[in-house]
Amino acid sequence: MASPIDYDGAVRGSSWTESDTAANEPEQSAADDRVTQVVIDAHVAVDIVKHCSEGLPEIVTGQLLGLDVDGTLEVTHAFPFADEENATGGDSAEYQLEMMKCLREVNADNNTVGWYTSTFLGSFLHQSMIETQFNYQDTIKTGVGLIFDPIRTAEGALCIRAVRFTKDFMQLYEKGSFAPADLNSKNVFASNIFEEIPVRIRSSKLTDVLLCTLAEGMPMEEVESDTRAFDLDFNPFLEKNLQFLNECMDELQSENHKYAQYERQVHRQRMDRNAFLQRRRAENNARKQAGQPPLPEEDLSRHPLFRTIRPPSRLEPLLISNQIQRYCDQINDYAGQGIAKMYLTAETQTRTGQ
């Protein structure tokens, strides 16, 4: 389920002066790196929605600019990442620097606070996203990733969430080791890979007045004819979620098979090692009875047959398990809404028949 999104029309008169002062303060300690909420200006949210919706079915990304004010991340500007072939001189990094330079020239906030990406039915946990978010969060301690789902938004509810990796997961990813022992030592599970930050969309009073004026001027026929909220055709949505859920289950089964094969190899190697030691012990006993010196002990860890077998990384099963839980939550949430609509329409039909 998406992070809670609040809409706030208040404009703080002195917020920009306070933000500029906070931006010039010394670097905060690690205890102050926690982000309590993400405040997105309304025009930034519109730009993100437009970019991600127009980019379908491709996954598009962009950069977030703003300020960090006492744990509140204010996103005041955003621009899309250019493709390699469309970037200035073929270099996307140069394109980003040029965009930030242009924003600075017009006295706009040009501090990078994170990035955004589109997703398809909540399927955003993949290696590319993990690597990008890690790089941002490693460079910018308060950096966040905004995930926007245009498909779910088309169903009638704005689906945008802000995510950050937990400190334990960041340490494991930096170390590059996701063996079961490492996951257990850090207590990292599929449910605590990242934390979701509450999202609040902020608009000015003038924007609220404009929306109210447009709503009052809208013909009642258009308002009354909008019955999409009572649409009972939710089979395509459930079908896609179930399809992705089955694919994730197959991938998880494949990863579990790899780990089971690793355990069989370790067990077979342990048995071979014990058999080798027994043979060596029996041979030394025989040499001792014959009056010969025993064979020297050798380091079995360097023996070509008994070298330590590295366990497979458990990062992929961790991501797949988290994605399975997300699909289950979406199915449960959307199916619950569909059942409520069916009960509502059934009651209406019953009363109409009477």
Protein backbone atom coordinates (compact mmCIF):
# COMPACT_ATOMS: atom_id res chain seq x y z
CA MET A 1 0.00 0.00 0.00
CA ALA A 2 1.29 3.45 -0.84
CA SER A 3 2.55 5.86 1.75
CA PRO A 4 -0.03 8.18 3.25
CA ILE A 5 -0.35 11.32 1.15
CA ASP A 6 -1.68 14.54 2.63
CA TYR A 7 -2.61 17.64 0.68
CA ASP A 8 -1.66 20.91 2.33
CA GLY A 9 -2.58 24.25 0.85
CA ALA A 10 -0.80 26.37 3.45
CA VAL A 11 2.09 28.57 2.39
CA ARG A 12 4.71 29.37 5.01
CA GLY A 13 5.74 32.98 4.69
CA SER A 14 9.24 32.61 6.06
CA SER A 15 9.95 29.04 4.98
CA TRP A 16 12.31 29.98 2.18
CA THR A 17 14.45 32.19 4.43
CA GLU A 18 14.57 29.45 7.06
CA SER A 19 15.42 26.88 4.42
CA ASP A 20 18.29 28.94 3.06
CA THR A 21 19.65 29.36 6.58
CA ALA A 22 19.34 25.65 7.30
CA ALA A 23 21.10 24.78 4.06
CA ASN A 24 24.14 26.81 5.11
CA GLU A 25 24.45 25.19 8.53
CA PRO A 26 27.30 22.70 9.21
CA GLU A 27 26.83 19.08 8.26
CA GLN A 28 24.53 17.34 10.71
CA SER A 29 25.48 14.24 12.62
CA ALA A 30 24.41 10.74 11.65
CA ALA A 31 21.58 10.92 14.17
CA ASP A 32 20.03 13.80 12.17
CA ASP A 33 20.03 11.90 8.86
CA ARG A 34 16.56 10.55 9.48
CA VAL A 35 13.81 11.87 7.18
CA THR A 36 10.42 12.26 8.85
CA GLN A 37 8.40 13.33 5.81
CA VAL A 38 8.67 14.38 2.17
CA VAL A 39 6.86 17.56 1.11
CA ILE A 40 6.35 17.86 -2.65
CA ASP A 41 5.23 21.07 -4.31
CA ALA A 42 2.09 20.59 -6.38
CA HIS A 43 3.72 21.62 -9.67
CA VAL A 44 6.52 19.09 -9.07
CA ALA A 45 3.97 16.31 -8.51
CA VAL A 46 2.23 17.29 -11.75
CA ASP A 47 5.55 17.21 -13.66
CA ILE A 48 6.37 13.74 -12.28
CA VAL A 49 2.90 12.39 -13.09
CA LYS A 50 3.06 13.81 -16.63
CA HIS A 51 6.56 12.49 -17.33
CA CYS A 52 5.84 8.98 -16.02
CA SER A 53 2.45 8.74 -17.75
CA GLU A 54 3.81 9.88 -21.11
CA GLY A 55 6.71 7.45 -20.81
CA LEU A 56 4.51 4.35 -20.64
CA PRO A 57 5.21 1.51 -21.20
CA GLU A 58 8.88 2.41 -20.64
CA ILE A 59 10.31 3.02 -17.17
CA VAL A 60 11.44 6.65 -16.88
CA THR A 61 13.52 8.35 -14.19
CA GLY A 62 14.36 11.86 -13.08
CA GLN A 63 16.12 13.93 -10.45
CA LEU A 64 14.62 15.67 -7.42
CA LEU A 65 15.86 19.04 -6.20
CA GLY A 66 15.01 20.84 -3.01
CA LEU A 67 16.01 21.39 0.60
CA ASP A 68 16.35 19.40 3.80
CA VAL A 69 14.81 21.34 6.69
CA ASP A 70 15.03 19.65 10.09
CA GLY A 71 14.23 16.17 8.78
CA THR A 72 11.59 17.39 6.32
CA LEU A 73 12.66 16.92 2.71
CA GLU A 74 11.12 19.67 0.58
CA VAL A 75 11.03 18.82 -3.12
CA THR A 76 10.69 22.09 -5.04
CA HIS A 77 11.91 21.12 -8.52
CA ALA A 78 12.35 18.01 -10.65
CA PHE A 79 13.57 17.28 -14.15
CA PRO A 80 13.69 14.02 -16.16
CA PHE A 81 16.88 12.18 -16.96
CA ALA A 82 17.74 12.29 -20.63
CA ASP A 83 18.47 9.19 -22.64
CA GLU A 84 22.09 8.61 -23.53
CA GLU A 85 21.51 9.39 -27.19
CA ASN A 86 19.41 12.50 -26.42
CA ALA A 87 21.67 13.94 -23.72
CA THR A 88 23.99 16.88 -24.34
CA GLY A 89 26.98 15.50 -26.18
CA GLY A 90 25.80 11.98 -25.46
CA ASP A 91 26.67 12.33 -21.73
CA SER A 92 23.72 12.14 -19.31
CA ALA A 93 25.89 13.34 -16.39
CA GLU A 94 26.79 16.48 -18.33
CA TYR A 95 23.10 16.99 -19.09
CA GLN A 96 22.22 16.83 -15.38
CA LEU A 97 24.94 19.32 -14.47
CA GLU A 98 23.78 21.68 -17.20
CA MET A 99 20.18 21.49 -15.96
CA MET A 100 21.24 22.24 -12.38
CA LYS A 101 23.37 25.14 -13.60
CA CYS A 102 20.38 26.62 -15.43
CA LEU A 103 18.22 26.30 -12.31
CA ARG A 104 20.86 28.02 -10.23
CA GLU A 105 20.97 30.91 -12.69
CA VAL A 106 17.24 31.53 -12.19
CA ASN A 107 17.68 31.41 -8.40
CA ALA A 108 15.92 28.05 -8.01
CA ASP A 109 16.84 25.29 -5.56
CA ASN A 110 19.50 23.15 -7.21
CA ASN A 111 20.38 20.86 -4.30
CA THR A 112 19.91 17.21 -5.18
CA VAL A 113 17.66 15.46 -2.63
CA GLY A 114 16.91 12.22 -4.48
CA TRP A 115 15.43 10.78 -7.63
CA TYR A 116 12.14 9.45 -8.95
CA THR A 117 11.13 6.56 -11.17
CA SER A 118 7.99 5.08 -12.62
CA THR A 119 6.85 1.55 -11.97
CA PHE A 120 4.28 -0.90 -13.26
CA LEU A 121 1.84 -2.22 -10.64
CA GLY A 122 4.36 -1.76 -7.83
CA SER A 123 7.13 -3.87 -9.38
CA PHE A 124 10.04 -1.55 -8.62
CA LEU A 125 12.40 -3.81 -6.64
CA HIS A 126 15.13 -4.80 -9.08
CA GLN A 127 18.91 -4.60 -9.21
CA SER A 128 19.00 -1.32 -11.14
CA MET A 129 16.73 0.42 -8.64
CA ILE A 130 18.69 -0.99 -5.69
CA GLU A 131 22.00 0.22 -7.09
CA THR A 132 20.67 3.69 -7.95
CA GLN A 133 19.05 4.23 -4.56
CA PHE A 134 22.19 3.01 -2.78
CA ASN A 135 24.36 5.46 -4.71
CA TYR A 136 22.05 8.37 -3.92
CA GLN A 137 21.67 7.46 -0.26
CA ASP A 138 25.39 6.81 0.13
CA THR A 139 26.25 10.21 -1.35
CA ILE A 140 23.29 12.16 0.11
CA LYS A 141 22.51 10.85 3.57
CA THR A 142 18.92 12.10 3.41
CA GLY A 143 18.33 11.13 -0.22
CA VAL A 144 15.01 9.47 -1.06
CA GLY A 145 13.53 7.67 -4.02
CA LEU A 146 10.03 8.55 -5.21
CA ILE A 147 8.13 5.67 -6.80
CA PHE A 148 5.16 6.61 -8.99
CA ASP A 149 2.75 4.03 -10.40
CA PRO A 150 0.79 5.50 -13.35
CA ILE A 151 -1.30 2.33 -13.77
CA ARG A 152 -2.69 2.38 -10.23
CA THR A 153 -3.09 6.15 -10.42
CA ALA A 154 -5.29 5.69 -13.48
CA GLU A 155 -7.63 3.66 -11.27
CA GLY A 156 -8.52 6.82 -9.36
CA ALA A 157 -6.00 7.21 -6.51
CA LEU A 158 -2.62 8.94 -6.66
CA CYS A 159 -0.04 6.22 -6.02
CA ILE A 160 3.28 7.81 -5.10
CA ARG A 161 5.60 6.67 -2.33
CA ALA A 162 8.94 7.75 -0.91
CA VAL A 163 11.38 5.02 0.13
CA ARG A 164 14.76 4.83 1.84
CA PHE A 165 16.92 1.82 2.62
CA THR A 166 17.43 0.96 6.26
CA LYS A 167 20.90 1.41 7.74
CA ASP A 168 21.40 -2.34 8.19
CA PHE A 169 20.61 -3.01 4.53
CA MET A 170 22.93 -0.17 3.46
CA GLN A 171 25.78 -1.72 5.45
CA LEU A 172 25.19 -5.14 3.92
CA TYR A 173 25.00 -3.76 0.38
CA GLU A 174 28.18 -1.75 0.89
CA LYS A 175 29.89 -4.88 2.19
CA GLY A 176 28.58 -6.83 -0.79
CA SER A 177 27.81 -9.94 1.24
CA PHE A 178 24.31 -11.36 1.51
CA ALA A 179 25.05 -14.77 2.95
CA PRO A 180 22.46 -16.15 5.41
CA ALA A 181 24.84 -15.56 8.33
CA ASP A 182 25.21 -11.87 7.38
CA LEU A 183 21.44 -11.39 7.05
CA ASN A 184 20.86 -13.00 10.44
CA SER A 185 23.56 -10.92 12.13
CA LYS A 186 21.93 -7.70 10.89
CA ASN A 187 18.34 -8.96 11.29
CA VAL A 188 17.58 -8.02 7.68
CA PHE A 189 14.43 -9.63 6.31
CA ALA A 190 12.22 -9.08 3.28
CA SER A 191 9.96 -6.81 5.34
CA ASN A 192 12.64 -4.34 6.48
CA ILE A 193 14.74 -3.74 3.36
CA PHE A 194 13.52 -0.17 3.15
CA GLU A 195 11.34 2.24 5.07
CA GLU A 196 8.51 4.28 3.60
CA ILE A 197 8.43 8.00 4.32
CA PRO A 198 5.08 9.85 4.54
CA VAL A 199 4.45 12.04 1.50
CA ARG A 200 2.66 15.38 1.65
CA ILE A 201 1.74 17.42 -1.44
CA ARG A 202 1.81 21.17 -0.84
CA SER A 203 -0.03 23.72 -2.95
CA SER A 204 -0.47 27.46 -2.62
CA LYS A 205 -3.68 29.19 -1.60
CA LEU A 206 -4.03 30.58 -5.12
CA THR A 207 -3.97 27.04 -6.51
CA ASP A 208 -6.69 25.97 -4.07
CA VAL A 209 -8.82 28.94 -5.07
CA LEU A 210 -8.34 28.13 -8.76
CA LEU A 211 -9.37 24.49 -8.24
CA CYS A 212 -12.46 25.52 -6.30
CA THR A 213 -13.39 27.99 -9.04
CA LEU A 214 -12.98 25.36 -11.74
CA ALA A 215 -15.04 22.87 -9.75
CA GLU A 216 -17.85 25.38 -9.29
CA GLY A 217 -17.84 26.20 -12.98
CA MET A 218 -17.98 22.57 -14.09
CA PRO A 219 -21.39 21.57 -15.52
CA MET A 220 -23.34 19.27 -13.23
CA GLU A 221 -23.91 16.86 -16.12
CA GLU A 222 -20.18 16.10 -16.26
CA VAL A 223 -20.00 15.59 -12.51
CA GLU A 224 -23.03 13.31 -12.39
CA SER A 225 -21.96 11.30 -15.44
CA ASP A 226 -18.60 10.34 -13.92
CA THR A 227 -19.36 6.82 -12.67
CA ARG A 228 -15.84 5.38 -12.86
CA ALA A 229 -15.80 5.00 -9.09
CA PHE A 230 -18.56 2.37 -9.44
CA ASP A 231 -16.85 0.43 -12.22
CA LEU A 232 -16.96 -3.28 -11.32
CA ASP A 233 -14.57 -4.40 -14.04
CA PHE A 234 -11.46 -4.99 -11.94
CA ASN A 235 -10.52 -8.32 -13.54
CA PRO A 236 -7.64 -6.91 -15.69
CA PHE A 237 -5.97 -5.42 -12.63
CA LEU A 238 -6.25 -8.64 -10.62
CA GLU A 239 -5.18 -10.71 -13.60
CA LYS A 240 -1.95 -8.73 -14.04
CA ASN A 241 -1.16 -8.89 -10.33
CA LEU A 242 -1.75 -12.63 -10.25
CA GLN A 243 0.39 -13.06 -13.36
CA PHE A 244 3.28 -11.13 -11.79
CA LEU A 245 2.77 -13.00 -8.53
CA ASN A 246 3.11 -16.36 -10.32
CA GLU A 247 6.28 -15.17 -12.04
CA CYS A 248 7.77 -14.09 -8.71
CA MET A 249 6.87 -17.45 -7.18
CA ASP A 250 8.67 -19.23 -10.02
CA GLU A 251 11.75 -17.02 -9.56
CA LEU A 252 11.72 -17.63 -5.80
CA GLN A 253 11.46 -21.37 -6.38
CA SER A 254 14.47 -21.18 -8.71
CA GLU A 255 16.50 -19.26 -6.10
CA ASN A 256 15.55 -21.78 -3.40
CA HIS A 257 16.66 -24.58 -5.70
CA LYS A 258 20.08 -22.91 -6.04
CA TYR A 259 20.44 -22.69 -2.29
CA ALA A 260 19.33 -26.28 -1.79
CA GLN A 261 21.95 -27.36 -4.33
CA TYR A 262 24.57 -25.37 -2.36
CA GLU A 263 23.58 -27.15 0.87
CA ARG A 264 23.88 -30.55 -0.86
CA GLN A 265 27.37 -29.66 -2.07
CA VAL A 266 28.42 -28.58 1.42
CA HIS A 267 27.01 -31.79 2.93
CA ARG A 268 28.78 -33.93 0.32
CA GLN A 269 32.06 -32.08 0.92
CA ARG A 270 31.73 -32.55 4.68
CA MET A 271 31.21 -36.30 4.23
CA ASP A 272 34.22 -36.54 1.90
CA ARG A 273 36.31 -34.60 4.41
CA ASN A 274 35.35 -36.95 7.26
CA ALA A 275 36.10 -39.99 5.08
CA PHE A 276 39.50 -38.53 4.17
CA LEU A 277 40.34 -37.93 7.84
CA GLN A 278 39.35 -41.48 8.77
CA ARG A 279 41.52 -42.91 6.00
CA ARG A 280 44.45 -40.74 7.07
CA ARG A 281 44.00 -41.79 10.72
CA ALA A 282 43.88 -45.49 9.79
CA GLU A 283 46.95 -45.10 7.58
CA ASN A 284 48.91 -43.39 10.39
CA ASN A 285 47.94 -46.18 12.80
CA ALA A 286 49.22 -48.75 10.32
CA ARG A 287 52.48 -46.83 9.82
CA LYS A 288 52.89 -46.53 13.58
CA GLN A 289 52.57 -50.31 14.01
CA ALA A 290 55.09 -50.83 11.22
CA GLY A 291 57.53 -48.47 12.97
CA GLN A 292 57.26 -45.78 10.32
CA PRO A 293 56.76 -42.07 11.06
CA PRO A 294 53.16 -40.81 10.62
CA LEU A 295 52.24 -38.74 7.62
CA PRO A 296 52.44 -34.97 8.24
CA GLU A 297 49.19 -33.15 8.84
CA GLU A 298 48.09 -30.90 6.01
CA ASP A 299 45.82 -27.89 5.94
CA LEU A 300 42.61 -29.24 4.47
CA SER A 301 41.31 -25.72 3.74
CA ARG A 302 43.95 -25.53 0.99
CA HIS A 303 43.19 -28.97 -0.39
CA PRO A 304 41.61 -28.63 -3.86
CA LEU A 305 38.79 -31.00 -2.88
CA PHE A 306 37.93 -29.27 0.39
CA ARG A 307 38.03 -25.60 -0.43
CA THR A 308 35.26 -23.53 1.14
CA ILE A 309 32.19 -23.35 -1.08
CA ARG A 310 30.85 -19.81 -1.17
CA PRO A 311 27.13 -19.61 -0.43
CA PRO A 312 24.93 -17.97 -3.08
CA SER A 313 23.84 -14.41 -2.49
CA ARG A 314 20.46 -14.11 -0.81
CA LEU A 315 19.81 -10.61 -2.12
CA GLU A 316 17.66 -11.75 -5.03
CA PRO A 317 15.40 -13.99 -2.89
CA LEU A 318 15.11 -11.11 -0.43
CA LEU A 319 13.88 -8.74 -3.15
CA ILE A 320 11.55 -11.34 -4.64
CA SER A 321 9.99 -12.08 -1.24
CA ASN A 322 9.37 -8.37 -0.67
CA GLN A 323 7.82 -8.06 -4.12
CA ILE A 324 5.54 -11.05 -3.48
CA GLN A 325 4.28 -9.43 -0.29
CA ARG A 326 3.61 -6.22 -2.22
CA TYR A 327 1.58 -8.02 -4.89
CA CYS A 328 -0.43 -9.80 -2.19
CA ASP A 329 -1.18 -6.49 -0.47
CA GLN A 330 -2.31 -4.94 -3.76
CA ILE A 331 -4.56 -7.89 -4.57
CA ASN A 332 -6.06 -7.81 -1.09
CA ASP A 333 -6.59 -4.05 -1.21
CA TYR A 334 -8.11 -3.94 -4.68
CA ALA A 335 -10.22 -7.06 -4.23
CA GLY A 336 -11.60 -5.60 -1.01
CA GLN A 337 -12.68 -2.46 -2.86
CA GLY A 338 -14.24 -4.56 -5.61
CA ILE A 339 -16.23 -6.66 -3.13
CA ALA A 340 -17.49 -3.50 -1.41
CA LYS A 341 -18.67 -2.13 -4.78
CA MET A 342 -20.43 -5.41 -5.58
CA TYR A 343 -22.29 -5.38 -2.26
CA LEU A 344 -23.25 -1.74 -2.85
CA THR A 345 -24.60 -2.35 -6.35
CA ALA A 346 -26.38 -5.54 -5.23
CA GLU A 347 -28.20 -3.60 -2.50
CA THR A 348 -29.09 -0.86 -5.00
CA GLN A 349 -30.48 -3.39 -7.49
CA THR A 350 -32.51 -5.07 -4.75
CA ARG A 351 -34.11 -1.80 -3.70
CA THR A 352 -34.75 -0.82 -7.32
CA GLY A 353 -36.49 -4.13 -7.95
CA GLN A 354 -38.81 -3.56 -5.02
